[in-house]
Structure formats: C-alpha cells, structure tokens
Amino acid sequence: MKLKDIISTNKWFILAVILIVGWFYWFQLRPSFIKQNCQEYAREMGNTYFSLEFVQKEEPLKRSQLQAEYMEQTYSRCLHDKGIE
C-alpha cells in the first residue's frame, strides 16, 4: 500500500490525531513552557532588584518581602504579556 492510499483511507483519523496533538500543545505544553520562562525571568529580575542600593538600606526581613513582592508582580506581568493570565 502506498502512502497516498493510506492517507486517503484514514484521513479522518489522521485529522483527529493532528487536532488532538495541536490541542495538547496549545493548552498543555505551551502554557507550561511560558510559566517556566516567566519564573526564570522573575527570579533574575528579583535578584537584580535585590541588589539595588535603596533595597540594601532596608532591614533584612523587609528586603526579602520587597523582593518577593517584586518577583510576584514581575511573574504576573510576564504571564499577562504572554497571554496566559
């Protein structure tokens, strides 16, 4: 059997498989990759923010709270920019 014959006899099955794989990528893999990238970006930006001079003048607990808040805002903004939230 030739490839053309296989495709013509199983076209609905092949279309369904392509749609399922596309759906899985778009709704499962893509958001997962975006969230992973945004988490890394927020961590990098948090480290940059933590090293700023005005943050270093704060008490240690206040510094970590400021860093956590900044990282959370950065993560949320990144997700929003990528169309996840």
Protein backbone atom coordinates (compact mmCIF):
# COMPACT_ATOMS: atom_id res chain seq x y z
CA MET A 1 0.00 0.00 0.00
CA LYS A 2 1.28 3.42 -0.88
CA LEU A 3 1.33 6.38 1.47
CA LYS A 4 -1.26 8.17 -0.64
CA ASP A 5 -3.67 5.23 -0.25
CA ILE A 6 -3.12 5.08 3.50
CA ILE A 7 -3.80 8.79 3.87
CA SER A 8 -6.92 8.73 1.72
CA THR A 9 -8.46 5.79 3.61
CA ASN A 10 -7.59 7.15 7.08
CA LYS A 11 -7.97 10.89 6.54
CA TRP A 12 -10.45 11.43 9.38
CA PHE A 13 -8.29 9.50 11.81
CA ILE A 14 -5.20 11.47 10.78
CA LEU A 15 -7.10 14.75 11.08
CA ALA A 16 -8.32 13.79 14.55
CA VAL A 17 -4.79 12.89 15.67
CA ILE A 18 -3.42 16.19 14.34
CA LEU A 19 -6.16 18.12 16.14
CA ILE A 20 -5.56 16.28 19.42
CA VAL A 21 -1.81 16.85 19.23
CA GLY A 22 -2.36 20.53 18.40
CA TRP A 23 -4.83 20.91 21.26
CA PHE A 24 -2.41 19.23 23.68
CA TYR A 25 0.43 21.51 22.61
CA TRP A 26 -1.63 24.71 22.77
CA PHE A 27 -3.37 24.08 26.10
CA GLN A 28 -0.80 21.97 27.97
CA LEU A 29 2.76 22.31 26.71
CA ARG A 30 2.76 25.96 25.61
CA PRO A 31 1.46 27.36 28.94
CA SER A 32 3.88 25.14 30.82
CA PHE A 33 6.85 26.47 28.84
CA ILE A 34 5.66 30.05 29.24
CA LYS A 35 5.25 29.66 33.02
CA GLN A 36 8.71 28.14 33.29
CA ASN A 37 10.28 31.00 31.31
CA CYS A 38 8.38 33.63 33.30
CA GLN A 39 9.51 32.06 36.58
CA GLU A 40 13.15 32.21 35.47
CA TYR A 41 12.70 35.80 34.30
CA ALA A 42 11.06 36.83 37.60
CA ARG A 43 13.90 35.19 39.55
CA GLU A 44 16.51 37.07 37.52
CA MET A 45 14.67 40.37 37.92
CA GLY A 46 14.25 39.72 41.65
CA ASN A 47 17.98 39.24 42.04
CA THR A 48 18.61 42.46 40.12
CA TYR A 49 16.08 44.30 42.26
CA PHE A 50 17.57 42.87 45.47
CA SER A 51 20.97 44.31 44.60
CA LEU A 52 19.68 47.89 44.18
CA GLU A 53 21.08 50.41 46.65
CA PHE A 54 17.79 51.59 48.18
CA VAL A 55 16.73 48.00 48.86
CA GLN A 56 20.03 47.24 50.62
CA LYS A 57 19.30 50.02 53.15
CA GLU A 58 16.20 48.19 54.41
CA GLU A 59 16.08 45.63 57.21
CA PRO A 60 16.69 42.02 56.09
CA LEU A 61 13.07 40.95 56.55
CA LYS A 62 11.77 43.99 54.69
CA ARG A 63 14.28 43.34 51.86
CA SER A 64 13.08 39.79 51.37
CA GLN A 65 9.45 40.94 51.44
CA LEU A 66 10.16 43.61 48.84
CA GLN A 67 11.99 41.10 46.67
CA ALA A 68 9.18 38.54 46.91
CA GLU A 69 6.57 41.16 46.07
CA TYR A 70 8.58 42.41 43.11
CA MET A 71 9.12 38.86 41.82
CA GLU A 72 5.41 38.09 42.12
CA GLN A 73 4.47 41.23 40.20
CA THR A 74 7.09 40.51 37.54
CA TYR A 75 5.85 36.92 37.15
CA SER A 76 2.23 38.03 36.87
CA ARG A 77 3.12 40.73 34.33
CA CYS A 78 5.13 38.25 32.25
CA LEU A 79 2.20 35.81 32.15
CA HIS A 80 -0.13 38.63 31.18
CA ASP A 81 2.20 39.77 28.39
CA LYS A 82 2.38 36.21 27.02
CA GLY A 83 -1.43 35.84 27.11
CA ILE A 84 -1.72 33.30 29.89
CA GLU A 85 -3.49 35.43 32.54
